[in-house]
Full PDB file with SEQRES, HELIX, SHEET, SSBOND, CRYST1, ORIGX, SCALE, CONECT and MASTER records, all heavy atoms in Angstrom:
SEQRES   1 A   43  GLN LEU GLY ALA GLY GLY ALA LEU VAL GLN LYS VAL GLN          
SEQRES   2 A   43  GLY GLY THR ILE GLN ALA ALA GLN HIS SER LEU SER ASN          
SEQRES   3 A   43  PHE ALA PRO PHE ALA SER THR VAL ASP LEU ILE ASN MET          
SEQRES   4 A   43  PRO TYR LEU CYS                                              
HELIX    1 AA1 GLY A    6  GLY A   14  1                                   9    
HELIX    2 AA2 LEU A   24  PHE A   27  1                                   4    
HELIX    3 AA3 SER A   32  ASN A   38  5                                   7    
CRYST1    1.000    1.000    1.000  90.00  90.00  90.00 P 1           1          
ORIGX1      1.000000  0.000000  0.000000        0.00000                         
ORIGX2      0.000000  1.000000  0.000000        0.00000                         
ORIGX3      0.000000  0.000000  1.000000        0.00000                         
SCALE1      1.000000  0.000000  0.000000        0.00000                         
SCALE2      0.000000  1.000000  0.000000        0.00000                         
SCALE3      0.000000  0.000000  1.000000        0.00000                         
ATOM      1  N   GLN A   1    -102.842-115.204  87.784  1.00  0.00           N  
ATOM      2  CA  GLN A   1    -103.594-115.060  86.530  1.00  0.00           C  
ATOM      3  C   GLN A   1    -102.698-114.654  85.364  1.00  0.00           C  
ATOM      4  O   GLN A   1    -102.878-115.106  84.240  1.00  0.00           O  
ATOM      5  CB  GLN A   1    -104.664-113.979  86.679  1.00  0.00           C  
ATOM      6  CG  GLN A   1    -105.803-114.289  87.603  1.00  0.00           C  
ATOM      7  CD  GLN A   1    -106.694-113.062  87.738  1.00  0.00           C  
ATOM      8  OE1 GLN A   1    -107.002-112.400  86.769  1.00  0.00           O  
ATOM      9  NE2 GLN A   1    -107.084-112.758  88.953  1.00  0.00           N  
ATOM     10  N   LEU A   2    -101.735-113.787  85.647  1.00  0.00           N  
ATOM     11  CA  LEU A   2    -100.849-113.286  84.595  1.00  0.00           C  
ATOM     12  C   LEU A   2     -99.453-113.879  84.681  1.00  0.00           C  
ATOM     13  O   LEU A   2     -98.527-113.419  84.026  1.00  0.00           O  
ATOM     14  CB  LEU A   2    -100.763-111.751  84.682  1.00  0.00           C  
ATOM     15  CG  LEU A   2    -102.088-111.008  84.520  1.00  0.00           C  
ATOM     16  CD1 LEU A   2    -101.870-109.502  84.603  1.00  0.00           C  
ATOM     17  CD2 LEU A   2    -102.763-111.365  83.192  1.00  0.00           C  
ATOM     18  N   GLY A   3     -99.324-114.930  85.501  1.00  0.00           N  
ATOM     19  CA  GLY A   3     -98.029-115.569  85.659  1.00  0.00           C  
ATOM     20  C   GLY A   3     -97.527-115.422  87.077  1.00  0.00           C  
ATOM     21  O   GLY A   3     -98.237-114.930  87.967  1.00  0.00           O  
ATOM     22  N   ALA A   4     -96.291-115.838  87.295  1.00  0.00           N  
ATOM     23  CA  ALA A   4     -95.680-115.745  88.621  1.00  0.00           C  
ATOM     24  C   ALA A   4     -94.175-115.609  88.451  1.00  0.00           C  
ATOM     25  O   ALA A   4     -93.616-115.881  87.389  1.00  0.00           O  
ATOM     26  CB  ALA A   4     -96.013-116.993  89.456  1.00  0.00           C  
ATOM     27  N   GLY A   5     -93.524-115.165  89.522  1.00  0.00           N  
ATOM     28  CA  GLY A   5     -92.074-115.101  89.532  1.00  0.00           C  
ATOM     29  C   GLY A   5     -91.489-114.297  88.391  1.00  0.00           C  
ATOM     30  O   GLY A   5     -91.892-113.169  88.105  1.00  0.00           O  
ATOM     31  N   GLY A   6     -90.519-114.906  87.706  1.00  0.00           N  
ATOM     32  CA  GLY A   6     -89.817-114.229  86.628  1.00  0.00           C  
ATOM     33  C   GLY A   6     -90.710-113.769  85.495  1.00  0.00           C  
ATOM     34  O   GLY A   6     -90.435-112.759  84.840  1.00  0.00           O  
ATOM     35  N   ALA A   7     -91.820-114.492  85.266  1.00  0.00           N  
ATOM     36  CA  ALA A   7     -92.746-114.100  84.195  1.00  0.00           C  
ATOM     37  C   ALA A   7     -93.375-112.740  84.502  1.00  0.00           C  
ATOM     38  O   ALA A   7     -93.573-111.920  83.597  1.00  0.00           O  
ATOM     39  CB  ALA A   7     -93.830-115.157  84.024  1.00  0.00           C  
ATOM     40  N   LEU A   8     -93.676-112.496  85.775  1.00  0.00           N  
ATOM     41  CA  LEU A   8     -94.242-111.196  86.152  1.00  0.00           C  
ATOM     42  C   LEU A   8     -93.195-110.092  86.071  1.00  0.00           C  
ATOM     43  O   LEU A   8     -93.495-108.969  85.656  1.00  0.00           O  
ATOM     44  CB  LEU A   8     -94.832-111.263  87.562  1.00  0.00           C  
ATOM     45  CG  LEU A   8     -96.118-112.077  87.722  1.00  0.00           C  
ATOM     46  CD1 LEU A   8     -96.610-112.017  89.169  1.00  0.00           C  
ATOM     47  CD2 LEU A   8     -97.201-111.590  86.778  1.00  0.00           C  
ATOM     48  N   VAL A   9     -91.972-110.393  86.470  1.00  0.00           N  
ATOM     49  CA  VAL A   9     -90.893-109.407  86.363  1.00  0.00           C  
ATOM     50  C   VAL A   9     -90.736-108.969  84.911  1.00  0.00           C  
ATOM     51  O   VAL A   9     -90.611-107.784  84.598  1.00  0.00           O  
ATOM     52  CB  VAL A   9     -89.556-109.976  86.881  1.00  0.00           C  
ATOM     53  CG1 VAL A   9     -88.477-108.890  86.854  1.00  0.00           C  
ATOM     54  CG2 VAL A   9     -89.700-110.520  88.297  1.00  0.00           C  
ATOM     55  N   GLN A  10     -90.770-109.945  84.026  1.00  0.00           N  
ATOM     56  CA  GLN A  10     -90.619-109.659  82.596  1.00  0.00           C  
ATOM     57  C   GLN A  10     -91.756-108.787  82.077  1.00  0.00           C  
ATOM     58  O   GLN A  10     -91.540-107.874  81.278  1.00  0.00           O  
ATOM     59  CB  GLN A  10     -90.559-110.975  81.818  1.00  0.00           C  
ATOM     60  CG  GLN A  10     -90.048-110.849  80.397  1.00  0.00           C  
ATOM     61  CD  GLN A  10     -89.741-112.200  79.782  1.00  0.00           C  
ATOM     62  OE1 GLN A  10     -90.245-113.236  80.216  1.00  0.00           O  
ATOM     63  NE2 GLN A  10     -88.901-112.202  78.769  1.00  0.00           N  
ATOM     64  N   LYS A  11     -92.965-109.052  82.538  1.00  0.00           N  
ATOM     65  CA  LYS A  11     -94.118-108.252  82.105  1.00  0.00           C  
ATOM     66  C   LYS A  11     -93.999-106.813  82.586  1.00  0.00           C  
ATOM     67  O   LYS A  11     -94.367-105.872  81.872  1.00  0.00           O  
ATOM     68  CB  LYS A  11     -95.422-108.887  82.598  1.00  0.00           C  
ATOM     69  CG  LYS A  11     -95.880-110.107  81.791  1.00  0.00           C  
ATOM     70  CD  LYS A  11     -97.202-110.627  82.322  1.00  0.00           C  
ATOM     71  CE  LYS A  11     -97.834-111.658  81.361  1.00  0.00           C  
ATOM     72  NZ  LYS A  11     -97.038-112.882  81.245  1.00  0.00           N  
ATOM     73  N   VAL A  12     -93.514-106.624  83.811  1.00  0.00           N  
ATOM     74  CA  VAL A  12     -93.325-105.264  84.321  1.00  0.00           C  
ATOM     75  C   VAL A  12     -92.238-104.554  83.516  1.00  0.00           C  
ATOM     76  O   VAL A  12     -92.403-103.406  83.092  1.00  0.00           O  
ATOM     77  CB  VAL A  12     -92.949-105.285  85.819  1.00  0.00           C  
ATOM     78  CG1 VAL A  12     -92.560-103.879  86.289  1.00  0.00           C  
ATOM     79  CG2 VAL A  12     -94.104-105.802  86.655  1.00  0.00           C  
ATOM     80  N   GLN A  13     -91.140-105.223  83.285  1.00  0.00           N  
ATOM     81  CA  GLN A  13     -90.043-104.610  82.542  1.00  0.00           C  
ATOM     82  C   GLN A  13     -90.470-104.220  81.129  1.00  0.00           C  
ATOM     83  O   GLN A  13     -90.098-103.158  80.622  1.00  0.00           O  
ATOM     84  CB  GLN A  13     -88.845-105.567  82.476  1.00  0.00           C  
ATOM     85  CG  GLN A  13     -87.585-104.937  81.893  1.00  0.00           C  
ATOM     86  CD  GLN A  13     -86.424-105.917  81.852  1.00  0.00           C  
ATOM     87  OE1 GLN A  13     -86.573-107.056  81.403  1.00  0.00           O  
ATOM     88  NE2 GLN A  13     -85.267-105.493  82.335  1.00  0.00           N  
ATOM     89  N   GLY A  14     -91.278-105.063  80.507  1.00  0.00           N  
ATOM     90  CA  GLY A  14     -91.740-104.794  79.151  1.00  0.00           C  
ATOM     91  C   GLY A  14     -92.905-103.834  79.069  1.00  0.00           C  
ATOM     92  O   GLY A  14     -93.300-103.417  77.976  1.00  0.00           O  
ATOM     93  N   GLY A  15     -93.492-103.467  80.221  1.00  0.00           N  
ATOM     94  CA  GLY A  15     -94.601-102.519  80.233  1.00  0.00           C  
ATOM     95  C   GLY A  15     -95.947-103.138  79.931  1.00  0.00           C  
ATOM     96  O   GLY A  15     -96.934-102.419  79.756  1.00  0.00           O  
ATOM     97  N   THR A  16     -96.025-104.470  79.888  1.00  0.00           N  
ATOM     98  CA  THR A  16     -97.313-105.137  79.670  1.00  0.00           C  
ATOM     99  C   THR A  16     -98.267-104.869  80.824  1.00  0.00           C  
ATOM    100  O   THR A  16     -99.475-104.717  80.638  1.00  0.00           O  
ATOM    101  CB  THR A  16     -97.115-106.654  79.517  1.00  0.00           C  
ATOM    102  OG1 THR A  16     -96.156-106.896  78.484  1.00  0.00           O  
ATOM    103  CG2 THR A  16     -98.420-107.353  79.173  1.00  0.00           C  
ATOM    104  N   ILE A  17     -97.711-104.828  82.036  1.00  0.00           N  
ATOM    105  CA  ILE A  17     -98.461-104.434  83.228  1.00  0.00           C  
ATOM    106  C   ILE A  17     -97.647-103.365  83.947  1.00  0.00           C  
ATOM    107  O   ILE A  17     -96.448-103.204  83.700  1.00  0.00           O  
ATOM    108  CB  ILE A  17     -98.735-105.627  84.167  1.00  0.00           C  
ATOM    109  CG1 ILE A  17     -97.419-106.314  84.575  1.00  0.00           C  
ATOM    110  CG2 ILE A  17     -99.693-106.609  83.528  1.00  0.00           C  
ATOM    111  CD1 ILE A  17     -97.605-107.464  85.542  1.00  0.00           C  
ATOM    112  N   GLN A  18     -98.315-102.649  84.826  1.00  0.00           N  
ATOM    113  CA  GLN A  18     -97.630-101.539  85.489  1.00  0.00           C  
ATOM    114  C   GLN A  18     -96.810-101.974  86.701  1.00  0.00           C  
ATOM    115  O   GLN A  18     -95.769-101.379  86.990  1.00  0.00           O  
ATOM    116  CB  GLN A  18     -98.655-100.473  85.921  1.00  0.00           C  
ATOM    117  CG  GLN A  18     -99.225 -99.653  84.791  1.00  0.00           C  
ATOM    118  CD  GLN A  18    -100.173-100.451  83.912  1.00  0.00           C  
ATOM    119  OE1 GLN A  18    -101.093-101.113  84.414  1.00  0.00           O  
ATOM    120  NE2 GLN A  18     -99.964-100.410  82.601  1.00  0.00           N  
ATOM    121  N   ALA A  19     -97.267-103.004  87.403  1.00  0.00           N  
ATOM    122  CA  ALA A  19     -96.567-103.403  88.621  1.00  0.00           C  
ATOM    123  C   ALA A  19     -96.877-104.858  88.955  1.00  0.00           C  
ATOM    124  O   ALA A  19     -97.873-105.420  88.490  1.00  0.00           O  
ATOM    125  CB  ALA A  19     -96.959-102.501  89.796  1.00  0.00           C  
ATOM    126  N   ALA A  20     -96.012-105.457  89.787  1.00  0.00           N  
ATOM    127  CA  ALA A  20     -96.214-106.856  90.183  1.00  0.00           C  
ATOM    128  C   ALA A  20     -95.453-107.157  91.461  1.00  0.00           C  
ATOM    129  O   ALA A  20     -94.505-106.460  91.832  1.00  0.00           O  
ATOM    130  CB  ALA A  20     -95.758-107.802  89.074  1.00  0.00           C  
ATOM    131  N   GLN A  21     -95.897-108.218  92.120  1.00  0.00           N  
ATOM    132  CA  GLN A  21     -95.212-108.766  93.286  1.00  0.00           C  
ATOM    133  C   GLN A  21     -94.419-109.986  92.851  1.00  0.00           C  
ATOM    134  O   GLN A  21     -94.898-110.814  92.085  1.00  0.00           O  
ATOM    135  CB  GLN A  21     -96.240-109.155  94.353  1.00  0.00           C  
ATOM    136  CG  GLN A  21     -95.777-110.196  95.358  1.00  0.00           C  
ATOM    137  CD  GLN A  21     -96.021-111.623  94.879  1.00  0.00           C  
ATOM    138  OE1 GLN A  21     -97.041-111.915  94.240  1.00  0.00           O  
ATOM    139  NE2 GLN A  21     -95.086-112.504  95.174  1.00  0.00           N  
ATOM    140  N   HIS A  22     -93.196-110.095  93.352  1.00  0.00           N  
ATOM    141  CA  HIS A  22     -92.374-111.270  93.052  1.00  0.00           C  
ATOM    142  C   HIS A  22     -91.247-111.337  94.065  1.00  0.00           C  
ATOM    143  O   HIS A  22     -90.965-110.356  94.774  1.00  0.00           O  
ATOM    144  CB  HIS A  22     -91.806-111.192  91.629  1.00  0.00           C  
ATOM    145  CG  HIS A  22     -91.272-109.846  91.271  1.00  0.00           C  
ATOM    146  ND1 HIS A  22     -90.044-109.407  91.689  1.00  0.00           N  
ATOM    147  CD2 HIS A  22     -91.817-108.808  90.579  1.00  0.00           C  
ATOM    148  CE1 HIS A  22     -89.841-108.171  91.258  1.00  0.00           C  
ATOM    149  NE2 HIS A  22     -90.909-107.780  90.593  1.00  0.00           N  
ATOM    150  N   SER A  23     -90.585-112.466  94.158  1.00  0.00           N  
ATOM    151  CA  SER A  23     -89.485-112.601  95.113  1.00  0.00           C  
ATOM    152  C   SER A  23     -88.260-111.859  94.607  1.00  0.00           C  
ATOM    153  O   SER A  23     -88.100-111.619  93.407  1.00  0.00           O  
ATOM    154  CB  SER A  23     -89.144-114.078  95.323  1.00  0.00           C  
ATOM    155  OG  SER A  23     -88.481-114.595  94.174  1.00  0.00           O  
ATOM    156  N   LEU A  24     -87.384-111.519  95.532  1.00  0.00           N  
ATOM    157  CA  LEU A  24     -86.130-110.887  95.132  1.00  0.00           C  
ATOM    158  C   LEU A  24     -85.230-111.880  94.408  1.00  0.00           C  
ATOM    159  O   LEU A  24     -84.410-111.490  93.573  1.00  0.00           O  
ATOM    160  CB  LEU A  24     -85.428-110.297  96.355  1.00  0.00           C  
ATOM    161  CG  LEU A  24     -86.074-109.002  96.868  1.00  0.00           C  
ATOM    162  CD1 LEU A  24     -85.518-108.606  98.219  1.00  0.00           C  
ATOM    163  CD2 LEU A  24     -85.881-107.871  95.874  1.00  0.00           C  
ATOM    164  N   SER A  25     -85.384-113.166  94.704  1.00  0.00           N  
ATOM    165  CA  SER A  25     -84.623-114.182  93.971  1.00  0.00           C  
ATOM    166  C   SER A  25     -85.030-114.193  92.501  1.00  0.00           C  
ATOM    167  O   SER A  25     -84.178-114.323  91.609  1.00  0.00           O  
ATOM    168  CB  SER A  25     -84.844-115.562  94.591  1.00  0.00           C  
ATOM    169  OG  SER A  25     -84.318-115.615  95.899  1.00  0.00           O  
ATOM    170  N   ASN A  26     -86.328-114.040  92.225  1.00  0.00           N  
ATOM    171  CA  ASN A  26     -86.796-113.975  90.844  1.00  0.00           C  
ATOM    172  C   ASN A  26     -86.458-112.638  90.191  1.00  0.00           C  
ATOM    173  O   ASN A  26     -86.407-112.531  88.967  1.00  0.00           O  
ATOM    174  CB  ASN A  26     -88.309-114.210  90.781  1.00  0.00           C  
ATOM    175  CG  ASN A  26     -88.671-115.670  90.974  1.00  0.00           C  
ATOM    176  OD1 ASN A  26     -88.013-116.551  90.441  1.00  0.00           O  
ATOM    177  ND2 ASN A  26     -89.717-115.927  91.744  1.00  0.00           N  
ATOM    178  N   PHE A  27     -86.248-111.622  91.010  1.00  0.00           N  
ATOM    179  CA  PHE A  27     -85.878-110.299  90.513  1.00  0.00           C  
ATOM    180  C   PHE A  27     -84.408-110.257  90.079  1.00  0.00           C  
ATOM    181  O   PHE A  27     -84.027-109.505  89.177  1.00  0.00           O  
ATOM    182  CB  PHE A  27     -86.126-109.274  91.623  1.00  0.00           C  
ATOM    183  CG  PHE A  27     -86.334-107.864  91.150  1.00  0.00           C  
ATOM    184  CD1 PHE A  27     -86.640-107.564  89.831  1.00  0.00           C  
ATOM    185  CD2 PHE A  27     -86.240-106.812  92.056  1.00  0.00           C  
ATOM    186  CE1 PHE A  27     -86.856-106.247  89.413  1.00  0.00           C  
ATOM    187  CE2 PHE A  27     -86.443-105.502  91.654  1.00  0.00           C  
ATOM    188  CZ  PHE A  27     -86.745-105.223  90.326  1.00  0.00           C  
ATOM    189  N   ALA A  28     -83.575-111.067  90.749  1.00  0.00           N  
ATOM    190  CA  ALA A  28     -82.123-111.006  90.562  1.00  0.00           C  
ATOM    191  C   ALA A  28     -81.654-111.172  89.106  1.00  0.00           C  
ATOM    192  O   ALA A  28     -80.726-110.478  88.685  1.00  0.00           O  
ATOM    193  CB  ALA A  28     -81.439-112.031  91.460  1.00  0.00           C  
ATOM    194  N   PRO A  29     -82.243-112.055  88.303  1.00  0.00           N  
ATOM    195  CA  PRO A  29     -81.783-112.167  86.915  1.00  0.00           C  
ATOM    196  C   PRO A  29     -81.983-110.890  86.101  1.00  0.00           C  
ATOM    197  O   PRO A  29     -81.317-110.696  85.085  1.00  0.00           O  
ATOM    198  CB  PRO A  29     -82.640-113.310  86.353  1.00  0.00           C  
ATOM    199  CG  PRO A  29     -83.019-114.119  87.535  1.00  0.00           C  
ATOM    200  CD  PRO A  29     -83.219-113.121  88.624  1.00  0.00           C  
ATOM    201  N   PHE A  30     -82.875-110.015  86.536  1.00  0.00           N  
ATOM    202  CA  PHE A  30     -83.158-108.770  85.824  1.00  0.00           C  
ATOM    203  C   PHE A  30     -82.413-107.583  86.440  1.00  0.00           C  
ATOM    204  O   PHE A  30     -82.115-106.603  85.757  1.00  0.00           O  
ATOM    205  CB  PHE A  30     -84.662-108.486  85.841  1.00  0.00           C  
ATOM    206  CG  PHE A  30     -85.487-109.551  85.187  1.00  0.00           C  
ATOM    207  CD1 PHE A  30     -85.867-110.688  85.888  1.00  0.00           C  
ATOM    208  CD2 PHE A  30     -85.878-109.441  83.862  1.00  0.00           C  
ATOM    209  CE1 PHE A  30     -86.636-111.681  85.292  1.00  0.00           C  
ATOM    210  CE2 PHE A  30     -86.639-110.423  83.256  1.00  0.00           C  
ATOM    211  CZ  PHE A  30     -87.008-111.549  83.962  1.00  0.00           C  
ATOM    212  N   ALA A  31     -82.148-107.665  87.748  1.00  0.00           N  
ATOM    213  CA  ALA A  31     -81.450-106.607  88.481  1.00  0.00           C  
ATOM    214  C   ALA A  31     -80.567-107.297  89.517  1.00  0.00           C  
ATOM    215  O   ALA A  31     -80.943-107.454  90.681  1.00  0.00           O  
ATOM    216  CB  ALA A  31     -82.447-105.664  89.142  1.00  0.00           C  
ATOM    217  N   SER A  32     -79.396-107.735  89.095  1.00  0.00           N  
ATOM    218  CA  SER A  32     -78.590-108.697  89.861  1.00  0.00           C  
ATOM    219  C   SER A  32     -78.196-108.204  91.249  1.00  0.00           C  
ATOM    220  O   SER A  32     -78.018-109.013  92.168  1.00  0.00           O  
ATOM    221  CB  SER A  32     -77.332-109.077  89.073  1.00  0.00           C  
ATOM    222  OG  SER A  32     -76.525-107.929  88.837  1.00  0.00           O  
ATOM    223  N   THR A  33     -78.077-106.904  91.453  1.00  0.00           N  
ATOM    224  CA  THR A  33     -77.622-106.382  92.742  1.00  0.00           C  
ATOM    225  C   THR A  33     -78.513-106.817  93.896  1.00  0.00           C  
ATOM    226  O   THR A  33     -78.034-107.001  95.019  1.00  0.00           O  
ATOM    227  CB  THR A  33     -77.563-104.839  92.707  1.00  0.00           C  
ATOM    228  OG1 THR A  33     -76.845-104.442  91.547  1.00  0.00           O  
ATOM    229  CG2 THR A  33     -76.877-104.286  93.927  1.00  0.00           C  
ATOM    230  N   VAL A  34     -79.809-106.988  93.641  1.00  0.00           N  
ATOM    231  CA  VAL A  34     -80.728-107.345  94.732  1.00  0.00           C  
ATOM    232  C   VAL A  34     -80.437-108.739  95.280  1.00  0.00           C  
ATOM    233  O   VAL A  34     -80.914-109.089  96.362  1.00  0.00           O  
ATOM    234  CB  VAL A  34     -82.211-107.248  94.305  1.00  0.00           C  
ATOM    235  CG1 VAL A  34     -82.556-105.840  93.855  1.00  0.00           C  
ATOM    236  CG2 VAL A  34     -82.541-108.262  93.224  1.00  0.00           C  
ATOM    237  N   ASP A  35     -79.645-109.539  94.561  1.00  0.00           N  
ATOM    238  CA  ASP A  35     -79.316-110.884  95.046  1.00  0.00           C  
ATOM    239  C   ASP A  35     -78.458-110.834  96.305  1.00  0.00           C  
ATOM    240  O   ASP A  35     -78.256-111.856  96.965  1.00  0.00           O  
ATOM    241  CB  ASP A  35     -78.608-111.678  93.948  1.00  0.00           C  
ATOM    242  CG  ASP A  35     -78.835-113.185  94.067  1.00  0.00           C  
ATOM    243  OD1 ASP A  35     -79.838-113.579  94.705  1.00  0.00           O  
ATOM    244  OD2 ASP A  35     -78.031-113.965  93.529  1.00  0.00           O  
ATOM    245  N   LEU A  36     -77.959-109.647  96.669  1.00  0.00           N  
ATOM    246  CA  LEU A  36     -77.251-109.495  97.942  1.00  0.00           C  
ATOM    247  C   LEU A  36     -78.115-109.942  99.113  1.00  0.00           C  
ATOM    248  O   LEU A  36     -77.606-110.373 100.156  1.00  0.00           O  
ATOM    249  CB  LEU A  36     -76.849-108.025  98.139  1.00  0.00           C  
ATOM    250  CG  LEU A  36     -75.646-107.524  97.327  1.00  0.00           C  
ATOM    251  CD1 LEU A  36     -75.608-106.009  97.327  1.00  0.00           C  
ATOM    252  CD2 LEU A  36     -74.359-108.106  97.882  1.00  0.00           C  
ATOM    253  N   ILE A  37     -79.426-109.830  98.946  1.00  0.00           N  
ATOM    254  CA  ILE A  37     -80.364-110.243  99.990  1.00  0.00           C  
ATOM    255  C   ILE A  37     -80.150-111.704 100.376  1.00  0.00           C  
ATOM    256  O   ILE A  37     -80.363-112.101 101.528  1.00  0.00           O  
ATOM    257  CB  ILE A  37     -81.818-110.037  99.490  1.00  0.00           C  
ATOM    258  CG1 ILE A  37     -82.118-108.549  99.319  1.00  0.00           C  
ATOM    259  CG2 ILE A  37     -82.825-110.693 100.411  1.00  0.00           C  
ATOM    260  CD1 ILE A  37     -82.114-107.769 100.607  1.00  0.00           C  
ATOM    261  N   ASN A  38     -79.730-112.523  99.416  1.00  0.00           N  
ATOM    262  CA  ASN A  38     -79.581-113.956  99.667  1.00  0.00           C  
ATOM    263  C   ASN A  38     -78.227-114.334 100.259  1.00  0.00           C  
ATOM    264  O   ASN A  38     -77.946-115.521 100.441  1.00  0.00           O  
ATOM    265  CB  ASN A  38     -79.796-114.735  98.366  1.00  0.00           C  
ATOM    266  CG  ASN A  38     -81.252-114.780  97.953  1.00  0.00           C  
ATOM    267  OD1 ASN A  38     -82.136-114.895  98.801  1.00  0.00           O  
ATOM    268  ND2 ASN A  38     -81.517-114.675  96.663  1.00  0.00           N  
ATOM    269  N   MET A  39     -77.390-113.352 100.561  1.00  0.00           N  
ATOM    270  CA  MET A  39     -76.099-113.662 101.169  1.00  0.00           C  
ATOM    271  C   MET A  39     -76.337-114.065 102.623  1.00  0.00           C  
ATOM    272  O   MET A  39     -76.856-113.281 103.421  1.00  0.00           O  
ATOM    273  CB  MET A  39     -75.154-112.472 101.076  1.00  0.00           C  
ATOM    274  CG  MET A  39     -73.727-112.819 101.455  1.00  0.00           C  
ATOM    275  SD  MET A  39     -72.545-111.592 100.867  1.00  0.00           S  
ATOM    276  CE  MET A  39     -72.525-111.942  99.112  1.00  0.00           C  
ATOM    277  N   PRO A  40     -75.971-115.277 103.001  1.00  0.00           N  
ATOM    278  CA  PRO A  40     -76.348-115.814 104.319  1.00  0.00           C  
ATOM    279  C   PRO A  40     -75.898-114.948 105.491  1.00  0.00           C  
ATOM    280  O   PRO A  40     -74.740-114.553 105.584  1.00  0.00           O  
ATOM    281  CB  PRO A  40     -75.652-117.181 104.346  1.00  0.00           C  
ATOM    282  CG  PRO A  40     -75.517-117.549 102.904  1.00  0.00           C  
ATOM    283  CD  PRO A  40     -75.263-116.264 102.184  1.00  0.00           C  
ATOM    284  N   TYR A  41     -76.849-114.639 106.343  1.00  0.00           N  
ATOM    285  CA  TYR A  41     -76.682-113.903 107.584  1.00  0.00           C  
ATOM    286  C   TYR A  41     -76.367-112.421 107.401  1.00  0.00           C  
ATOM    287  O   TYR A  41     -76.127-111.714 108.382  1.00  0.00           O  
ATOM    288  CB  TYR A  41     -75.653-114.583 108.509  1.00  0.00           C  
ATOM    289  CG  TYR A  41     -76.199-115.910 108.992  1.00  0.00           C  
ATOM    290  CD1 TYR A  41     -75.828-117.103 108.362  1.00  0.00           C  
ATOM    291  CD2 TYR A  41     -77.137-115.970 110.010  1.00  0.00           C  
ATOM    292  CE1 TYR A  41     -76.378-118.309 108.749  1.00  0.00           C  
ATOM    293  CE2 TYR A  41     -77.693-117.179 110.411  1.00  0.00           C  
ATOM    294  CZ  TYR A  41     -77.309-118.340 109.770  1.00  0.00           C  
ATOM    295  OH  TYR A  41     -77.870-119.525 110.148  1.00  0.00           O  
ATOM    296  N   LEU A  42     -76.388-111.928 106.167  1.00  0.00           N  
ATOM    297  CA  LEU A  42     -76.299-110.478 105.978  1.00  0.00           C  
ATOM    298  C   LEU A  42     -77.577-109.823 106.485  1.00  0.00           C  
ATOM    299  O   LEU A  42     -77.535-108.835 107.218  1.00  0.00           O  
ATOM    300  CB  LEU A  42     -76.077-110.136 104.503  1.00  0.00           C  
ATOM    301  CG  LEU A  42     -76.136-108.638 104.163  1.00  0.00           C  
ATOM    302  CD1 LEU A  42     -75.001-107.902 104.873  1.00  0.00           C  
ATOM    303  CD2 LEU A  42     -76.073-108.420 102.654  1.00  0.00           C  
ATOM    304  N   CYS A  43     -78.730-110.384 106.097  1.00  0.00           N  
ATOM    305  CA  CYS A  43     -80.018-109.814 106.541  1.00  0.00           C  
ATOM    306  C   CYS A  43     -81.071-110.911 106.661  1.00  0.00           C  
ATOM    307  O   CYS A  43     -82.209-110.732 106.246  1.00  0.00           O  
ATOM    308  CB  CYS A  43     -80.476-108.720 105.581  1.00  0.00           C  
ATOM    309  SG  CYS A  43     -80.692-109.274 103.868  1.00  0.00           S  
TER     310      CYS A  43                                                      
MASTER        0    0    0    3    0    0    0    6  309    1    0    4          
END                                                                             
């Protein structure tokens, strides 16, 4: 209803909404360290 993926991350960061669900891949452009999750066979 309020968007998906990066659009929700942006809304949380800007305080438009208090919280949201999104993938860590979509989170990475805003908090790049979490992209470690996508390193093959690390986790």
